[in-house]
Amino acid sequence: MPFVIPSSRQFLRGSILLSFISLVGACATPRDSVSSAEIYDPNEAANREVHEFNRKVDRVLFRPVSNGYGNYVHEDLRMLVSNFADHLSLPADIVNNLLQGDLKGAGGNSFRLVFNTVFGFGGIVDPADAVHVPRRETDFGETFHVWGVKEGAYVELPLLGPSTERDTVGTILDFTLDPVSVFLPRPEKYVGTAANFADLMGDRYDLRATIDSVLYESADSYAQARILYLQNRRFALGVEVEEAETDFDPFADPFAQ
């Protein structure tokens, strides 16, 4: 399950320009004009090593912590934590909505931010959902997609899990330029980090059967996680995947003749 260990924001801000230039530059190479159903993974050997590291971390840390969180914290309280984490992400959503030219999404998220802050006790409950104002969740990776940046090569990031070159840059920007973390003073800014961690552990618990099946029961967990991530991410971005262009079966035994 993807998770983020809080890093030094000074380091991230100092390296953001270099990371942006190098990774987006890589995304702009001709090889990135691949079909939506194709898998481009030139660094598979290194990615597999990272994947094994992530599996070990999940086995010894994330899985037991998430099981403890899910077993000992009532689901109603977990829902309040999830609502609060989602609420704190709304300012970043609004920024990306505007960068994408999605005024409807920005308006809806702005309404949710104000309405839930006032009537939802700071966002721990979600009255905006009751008045049928859905959240338009987004990120910098989607913003780059809207701007025409290609997804680039597949990447597995330590602790964060599956990604692409484009989404890796987006993730750096998501954490570095998150308005909540930028403008809130210490220690208030770390409340969001704690809420996001708890929310991710809650997601890990709720999806434990699927995640455990992929990571520990499949013949090739790396290949299965890769195809599932790419298909889900492309679907979320509205990329039409041409099924006929690939005969890859994520559940097949990679060593079968």
Protein backbone atom coordinates (compact mmCIF):
# COMPACT_ATOMS: atom_id res chain seq x y z
CA MET A 1 0.00 0.00 0.00
CA PRO A 2 1.50 3.36 -0.97
CA PHE A 3 2.57 5.49 1.95
CA VAL A 4 4.66 8.59 2.42
CA ILE A 5 7.31 9.08 5.08
CA PRO A 6 7.49 12.81 5.89
CA SER A 7 10.63 14.30 4.36
CA SER A 8 12.54 17.51 4.84
CA ARG A 9 10.60 20.18 2.98
CA GLN A 10 13.73 22.29 2.72
CA PHE A 11 15.42 19.46 0.82
CA LEU A 12 12.40 18.95 -1.42
CA ARG A 13 12.10 22.62 -2.25
CA GLY A 14 15.81 22.82 -2.96
CA SER A 15 15.67 19.87 -5.35
CA ILE A 16 12.27 20.47 -6.91
CA LEU A 17 13.51 22.36 -9.95
CA LEU A 18 16.16 19.76 -10.75
CA SER A 19 13.66 16.93 -10.30
CA PHE A 20 11.10 18.70 -12.46
CA ILE A 21 13.53 19.31 -15.30
CA SER A 22 15.03 15.82 -15.28
CA LEU A 23 11.85 13.78 -14.91
CA VAL A 24 9.56 15.82 -17.14
CA GLY A 25 12.39 15.93 -19.65
CA ALA A 26 12.40 12.15 -19.60
CA CYS A 27 8.66 12.11 -20.13
CA ALA A 28 9.08 14.18 -23.26
CA THR A 29 11.25 11.63 -25.07
CA PRO A 30 9.88 10.08 -28.28
CA ARG A 31 9.65 6.65 -26.61
CA ASP A 32 6.90 8.05 -24.40
CA SER A 33 4.44 8.19 -27.28
CA VAL A 34 3.38 4.62 -26.47
CA SER A 35 -0.14 3.31 -26.88
CA SER A 36 -2.39 3.47 -23.86
CA ALA A 37 -2.34 -0.33 -23.46
CA GLU A 38 1.45 -0.67 -23.64
CA ILE A 39 3.75 -1.12 -20.67
CA TYR A 40 7.02 0.80 -20.85
CA ASP A 41 9.30 -0.41 -18.09
CA PRO A 42 12.96 -0.03 -19.14
CA ASN A 43 14.15 -0.13 -15.52
CA GLU A 44 12.30 -3.30 -14.57
CA ALA A 45 15.25 -4.91 -12.76
CA ALA A 46 15.69 -1.93 -10.44
CA ASN A 47 11.93 -1.56 -10.02
CA ARG A 48 11.64 -5.18 -8.95
CA GLU A 49 14.25 -4.63 -6.24
CA VAL A 50 12.26 -1.67 -4.94
CA HIS A 51 9.10 -3.76 -5.12
CA GLU A 52 10.66 -6.44 -2.93
CA PHE A 53 11.72 -3.78 -0.45
CA ASN A 54 8.16 -2.40 -0.40
CA ARG A 55 6.75 -5.88 0.17
CA LYS A 56 9.04 -6.40 3.16
CA VAL A 57 8.06 -3.02 4.63
CA ASP A 58 4.40 -3.84 4.11
CA ARG A 59 4.80 -7.25 5.73
CA VAL A 60 6.59 -6.04 8.86
CA LEU A 61 5.04 -2.57 9.24
CA PHE A 62 2.05 -1.47 7.18
CA ARG A 63 0.04 -4.70 7.27
CA PRO A 64 0.26 -5.21 11.06
CA VAL A 65 -0.28 -1.51 11.79
CA SER A 66 -3.30 -1.33 9.46
CA ASN A 67 -4.77 -4.50 10.95
CA GLY A 68 -4.35 -3.07 14.44
CA TYR A 69 -5.91 0.23 13.36
CA GLY A 70 -8.84 -1.52 11.71
CA ASN A 71 -9.42 -4.01 14.51
CA TYR A 72 -9.17 -1.63 17.46
CA VAL A 73 -10.50 1.67 16.05
CA HIS A 74 -14.23 1.73 15.36
CA GLU A 75 -15.21 2.21 11.73
CA ASP A 76 -17.17 5.37 12.57
CA LEU A 77 -14.04 6.97 14.02
CA ARG A 78 -12.02 5.79 11.03
CA MET A 79 -14.58 7.49 8.79
CA LEU A 80 -14.17 10.78 10.68
CA VAL A 81 -10.38 10.58 10.25
CA SER A 82 -10.83 9.85 6.54
CA ASN A 83 -13.19 12.81 6.17
CA PHE A 84 -10.67 15.09 7.87
CA ALA A 85 -7.79 13.87 5.69
CA ASP A 86 -9.89 14.42 2.56
CA HIS A 87 -10.87 17.86 3.81
CA LEU A 88 -7.25 18.91 4.28
CA SER A 89 -6.47 17.87 0.70
CA LEU A 90 -9.15 20.14 -0.79
CA PRO A 91 -6.91 23.25 -1.12
CA ALA A 92 -4.45 21.25 -3.23
CA ASP A 93 -7.35 19.86 -5.28
CA ILE A 94 -8.61 23.39 -5.92
CA VAL A 95 -5.17 24.54 -7.09
CA ASN A 96 -4.98 21.64 -9.54
CA ASN A 97 -8.58 22.15 -10.67
CA LEU A 98 -7.67 25.71 -11.63
CA LEU A 99 -4.42 24.68 -13.33
CA GLN A 100 -6.42 22.18 -15.40
CA GLY A 101 -9.02 24.79 -16.34
CA ASP A 102 -11.66 22.81 -14.46
CA LEU A 103 -13.71 25.68 -13.07
CA LYS A 104 -16.65 23.46 -12.16
CA GLY A 105 -14.40 21.19 -10.13
CA ALA A 106 -12.71 24.16 -8.46
CA GLY A 107 -16.09 25.67 -7.60
CA GLY A 108 -17.42 22.42 -6.17
CA ASN A 109 -14.30 21.79 -4.10
CA SER A 110 -14.27 25.38 -2.87
CA PHE A 111 -17.89 25.00 -1.75
CA ARG A 112 -17.00 21.74 0.03
CA LEU A 113 -14.04 23.39 1.75
CA VAL A 114 -16.10 26.28 3.14
CA PHE A 115 -19.29 24.31 3.82
CA ASN A 116 -17.61 21.41 5.61
CA THR A 117 -15.33 23.73 7.57
CA VAL A 118 -18.31 25.68 8.91
CA PHE A 119 -20.96 22.98 9.22
CA GLY A 120 -18.79 19.87 9.38
CA PHE A 121 -16.83 20.76 12.53
CA GLY A 122 -13.66 21.55 10.59
CA GLY A 123 -14.14 18.76 8.09
CA ILE A 124 -14.49 15.72 10.32
CA VAL A 125 -17.99 15.17 8.96
CA ASP A 126 -19.13 15.67 5.38
CA PRO A 127 -22.43 17.57 5.16
CA ALA A 128 -21.54 18.66 1.61
CA ASP A 129 -22.11 15.09 0.51
CA ALA A 130 -25.65 15.28 1.89
CA VAL A 131 -26.37 18.26 -0.39
CA HIS A 132 -24.90 16.35 -3.35
CA VAL A 133 -21.69 18.29 -3.90
CA PRO A 134 -19.12 15.60 -4.76
CA ARG A 135 -15.40 16.03 -4.34
CA ARG A 136 -13.39 16.44 -7.55
CA GLU A 137 -10.21 14.68 -6.42
CA THR A 138 -7.12 15.39 -8.48
CA ASP A 139 -3.34 15.90 -8.28
CA PHE A 140 -0.38 17.38 -10.12
CA GLY A 141 0.06 14.17 -12.07
CA GLU A 142 -3.36 14.70 -13.62
CA THR A 143 -2.51 18.35 -14.21
CA PHE A 144 0.54 17.30 -16.24
CA HIS A 145 -1.66 14.83 -18.14
CA VAL A 146 -4.09 17.63 -19.01
CA TRP A 147 -1.15 19.74 -20.15
CA GLY A 148 -0.08 17.00 -22.55
CA VAL A 149 2.89 15.56 -20.67
CA LYS A 150 3.31 11.85 -21.45
CA GLU A 151 3.30 9.35 -18.59
CA GLY A 152 6.85 8.14 -19.25
CA ALA A 153 8.31 4.94 -17.92
CA TYR A 154 6.79 2.90 -15.15
CA VAL A 155 8.44 3.48 -11.77
CA GLU A 156 8.13 1.75 -8.40
CA LEU A 157 9.01 4.20 -5.66
CA PRO A 158 10.30 3.20 -2.22
CA LEU A 159 7.39 3.22 0.28
CA LEU A 160 5.14 5.01 -2.22
CA GLY A 161 4.70 2.07 -4.57
CA PRO A 162 3.67 2.09 -8.26
CA SER A 163 4.01 5.29 -10.24
CA THR A 164 5.21 6.70 -13.56
CA GLU A 165 7.80 9.34 -14.38
CA ARG A 166 5.05 11.91 -14.82
CA ASP A 167 3.29 10.97 -11.60
CA THR A 168 6.58 10.94 -9.70
CA VAL A 169 7.08 14.60 -10.55
CA GLY A 170 3.46 15.22 -9.64
CA THR A 171 3.94 13.53 -6.28
CA ILE A 172 6.94 15.73 -5.48
CA LEU A 173 4.88 18.82 -6.26
CA ASP A 174 1.88 17.49 -4.34
CA PHE A 175 3.94 17.27 -1.16
CA THR A 176 6.10 20.32 -1.69
CA LEU A 177 3.39 22.78 -2.73
CA ASP A 178 0.50 21.49 -0.62
CA PRO A 179 -1.13 24.74 0.62
CA VAL A 180 -1.94 23.24 4.03
CA SER A 181 1.70 22.32 4.69
CA VAL A 182 3.05 25.53 3.17
CA PHE A 183 0.92 27.99 5.13
CA LEU A 184 0.19 26.25 8.42
CA PRO A 185 2.78 26.72 11.18
CA ARG A 186 4.38 23.91 13.16
CA PRO A 187 3.12 21.72 14.73
CA GLU A 188 -0.31 22.21 13.12
CA LYS A 189 1.01 21.29 9.67
CA TYR A 190 1.86 17.80 10.90
CA VAL A 191 -1.76 17.11 11.80
CA GLY A 192 -2.43 16.55 8.11
CA THR A 193 0.45 14.08 7.85
CA ALA A 194 -0.90 12.11 10.81
CA ALA A 195 -4.43 12.13 9.39
CA ASN A 196 -3.19 10.98 5.98
CA PHE A 197 -1.18 8.17 7.56
CA ALA A 198 -4.19 6.96 9.55
CA ASP A 199 -6.40 7.24 6.47
CA LEU A 200 -3.95 5.17 4.41
CA MET A 201 -3.82 2.55 7.13
CA GLY A 202 -7.60 2.49 7.09
CA ASP A 203 -7.57 1.99 3.31
CA ARG A 204 -4.97 -0.77 3.71
CA TYR A 205 -7.25 -2.48 6.20
CA ASP A 206 -10.41 -2.13 4.10
CA LEU A 207 -8.63 -3.47 1.00
CA ARG A 208 -6.53 -6.04 2.83
CA ALA A 209 -7.93 -9.05 0.95
CA THR A 210 -7.15 -7.55 -2.46
CA ILE A 211 -3.77 -6.12 -1.45
CA ASP A 212 -2.65 -9.33 0.23
CA SER A 213 -3.76 -11.32 -2.81
CA VAL A 214 -1.67 -9.14 -5.13
CA LEU A 215 1.41 -8.90 -2.91
CA TYR A 216 1.58 -12.36 -1.39
CA GLU A 217 -0.57 -14.78 -3.38
CA SER A 218 0.02 -13.95 -7.05
CA ALA A 219 2.65 -15.72 -9.16
CA ASP A 220 4.34 -12.39 -9.97
CA SER A 221 3.25 -9.65 -7.59
CA TYR A 222 5.37 -7.03 -9.35
CA ALA A 223 3.79 -7.63 -12.77
CA GLN A 224 0.30 -7.75 -11.32
CA ALA A 225 0.73 -4.57 -9.27
CA ARG A 226 2.17 -2.83 -12.34
CA ILE A 227 -0.67 -3.68 -14.71
CA LEU A 228 -3.35 -2.94 -12.11
CA TYR A 229 -1.82 0.44 -11.32
CA LEU A 230 -1.42 1.45 -14.95
CA GLN A 231 -4.91 0.34 -15.94
CA ASN A 232 -6.55 2.06 -12.96
CA ARG A 233 -4.52 5.25 -13.35
CA ARG A 234 -5.20 5.49 -17.08
CA PHE A 235 -8.89 4.86 -16.50
CA ALA A 236 -8.97 7.59 -13.83
CA LEU A 237 -7.35 10.00 -16.28
CA GLY A 238 -9.81 9.11 -19.02
CA VAL A 239 -7.26 7.33 -21.21
CA GLU A 240 -8.91 4.81 -23.50
CA VAL A 241 -7.09 1.50 -23.12
CA GLU A 242 -7.26 -0.66 -26.22
CA GLU A 243 -7.59 -4.15 -24.77
CA ALA A 244 -6.81 -5.79 -28.09
CA GLU A 245 -3.29 -4.38 -28.09
CA THR A 246 -2.12 -6.51 -25.17
CA ASP A 247 -2.44 -10.18 -24.30
CA PHE A 248 -0.80 -9.76 -20.90
CA ASP A 249 -2.46 -11.76 -18.13
CA PRO A 250 -1.49 -10.42 -14.68
CA PHE A 251 -2.67 -13.65 -13.04
CA ALA A 252 -0.63 -15.99 -15.26
CA ASP A 253 2.42 -17.86 -14.02
CA PRO A 254 5.40 -15.97 -15.54
CA PHE A 255 7.51 -19.14 -15.48
CA ALA A 256 5.01 -21.37 -17.24
CA GLN A 257 6.06 -22.68 -20.66
